[in-house]
Amino acid sequence: MDNLNTQTKMNREVVFEKVKGFIAEVIGEDFIDEYVIERTSTFTGDLEMESIELVEFSEKIKTTFGEEVGFAAWLSNLELERLVSLSVNDVLDYLEECL
């Protein structure tokens, strides 16, 4: 993935498309057709992502948006209930705050 200039305010739709791409890469081409990735999709429920996949997803966020986004730290500070119900929209909200 190309590094993006985090100083530039990004369009939410552009960020959503990037996040969808990361999810597809993490889930894998063999399984992605089984899922519809929407803003309301939850990572552990709807997309059935496991913790190791969330770590890989987090690395893709860091690589693309930069370490200053602090996505892994943000995830680690979430309470378990919030983490289990984490949606794509929650990630978009967080990234929008950072970018």
Protein backbone atom coordinates (compact mmCIF):
# COMPACT_ATOMS: atom_id res chain seq x y z
CA MET A 1 0.00 0.00 0.00
CA ASP A 2 1.07 3.52 -0.65
CA ASN A 3 1.82 5.69 2.34
CA LEU A 4 -0.71 8.47 2.59
CA ASN A 5 0.06 11.96 3.74
CA THR A 6 -1.64 12.10 7.14
CA GLN A 7 -1.42 15.89 7.10
CA THR A 8 -4.08 15.96 4.39
CA LYS A 9 -7.71 15.60 5.44
CA MET A 10 -8.95 12.45 3.75
CA ASN A 11 -12.40 11.89 2.36
CA ARG A 12 -14.33 9.39 4.52
CA GLU A 13 -15.30 7.38 1.44
CA VAL A 14 -11.64 7.02 0.42
CA VAL A 15 -10.76 5.84 3.92
CA PHE A 16 -13.70 3.41 3.88
CA GLU A 17 -12.53 1.90 0.60
CA LYS A 18 -9.00 1.48 1.99
CA VAL A 19 -10.34 -0.14 5.18
CA LYS A 20 -12.51 -2.49 3.10
CA GLY A 21 -9.44 -3.43 1.09
CA PHE A 22 -7.47 -4.17 4.27
CA ILE A 23 -10.28 -6.37 5.56
CA ALA A 24 -10.43 -8.25 2.27
CA GLU A 25 -6.65 -8.81 2.37
CA VAL A 26 -6.77 -10.05 5.96
CA ILE A 27 -9.76 -12.35 5.46
CA GLY A 28 -8.32 -13.67 2.22
CA GLU A 29 -9.57 -14.00 -1.32
CA ASP A 30 -10.88 -17.51 -0.70
CA PHE A 31 -13.34 -16.30 1.94
CA ILE A 32 -14.11 -12.65 1.15
CA ASP A 33 -17.03 -13.52 -1.14
CA GLU A 34 -18.84 -14.91 1.91
CA TYR A 35 -18.97 -11.45 3.54
CA VAL A 36 -20.48 -8.08 2.76
CA ILE A 37 -18.28 -5.35 4.20
CA GLU A 38 -20.45 -2.42 5.23
CA ARG A 39 -19.91 0.45 7.62
CA THR A 40 -22.10 -1.32 10.17
CA SER A 41 -20.24 -4.64 9.89
CA THR A 42 -18.64 -5.79 13.13
CA PHE A 43 -15.18 -7.30 13.00
CA THR A 44 -15.76 -10.27 15.29
CA GLY A 45 -19.46 -10.84 14.60
CA ASP A 46 -20.27 -10.09 10.98
CA LEU A 47 -16.77 -10.54 9.53
CA GLU A 48 -15.74 -13.33 11.93
CA MET A 49 -12.24 -11.91 12.32
CA GLU A 50 -10.06 -13.40 15.05
CA SER A 51 -7.59 -11.50 17.21
CA ILE A 52 -4.60 -12.39 15.01
CA GLU A 53 -6.48 -11.00 12.01
CA LEU A 54 -7.18 -7.80 13.93
CA VAL A 55 -3.44 -7.52 14.60
CA GLU A 56 -2.74 -7.89 10.87
CA PHE A 57 -5.46 -5.32 10.12
CA SER A 58 -3.88 -2.97 12.65
CA GLU A 59 -0.50 -3.32 10.92
CA LYS A 60 -2.07 -2.35 7.61
CA ILE A 61 -3.59 0.75 9.24
CA LYS A 62 -0.19 1.69 10.69
CA THR A 63 1.64 1.12 7.40
CA THR A 64 -0.83 3.21 5.43
CA PHE A 65 -1.80 6.00 7.81
CA GLY A 66 1.37 6.19 9.91
CA GLU A 67 2.36 5.38 13.46
CA GLU A 68 1.03 8.71 14.72
CA VAL A 69 -2.50 7.38 14.20
CA GLY A 70 -1.90 5.04 17.16
CA PHE A 71 -4.50 2.52 16.07
CA ALA A 72 -3.05 -0.44 18.02
CA ALA A 73 -2.92 1.62 21.20
CA TRP A 74 -6.49 2.76 20.66
CA LEU A 75 -7.62 -0.85 20.22
CA SER A 76 -5.76 -2.00 23.31
CA ASN A 77 -7.49 0.68 25.41
CA LEU A 78 -10.98 -0.48 24.45
CA GLU A 79 -12.95 -2.47 26.98
CA LEU A 80 -13.65 -6.08 25.96
CA GLU A 81 -17.35 -5.48 25.32
CA ARG A 82 -16.55 -2.51 23.07
CA LEU A 83 -13.82 -4.45 21.26
CA VAL A 84 -16.16 -7.38 20.59
CA SER A 85 -18.77 -5.04 19.08
CA LEU A 86 -16.26 -2.91 17.14
CA SER A 87 -17.65 -1.94 13.74
CA VAL A 88 -16.08 -0.65 10.57
CA ASN A 89 -17.80 2.66 11.28
CA ASP A 90 -16.08 2.87 14.68
CA VAL A 91 -12.72 2.51 12.93
CA LEU A 92 -13.70 5.15 10.37
CA ASP A 93 -14.70 7.53 13.19
CA TYR A 94 -11.35 7.01 14.89
CA LEU A 95 -9.35 7.48 11.69
CA GLU A 96 -11.34 10.60 10.83
CA GLU A 97 -10.36 12.08 14.20
CA CYS A 98 -6.70 11.33 13.54
CA LEU A 99 -6.42 12.36 9.91
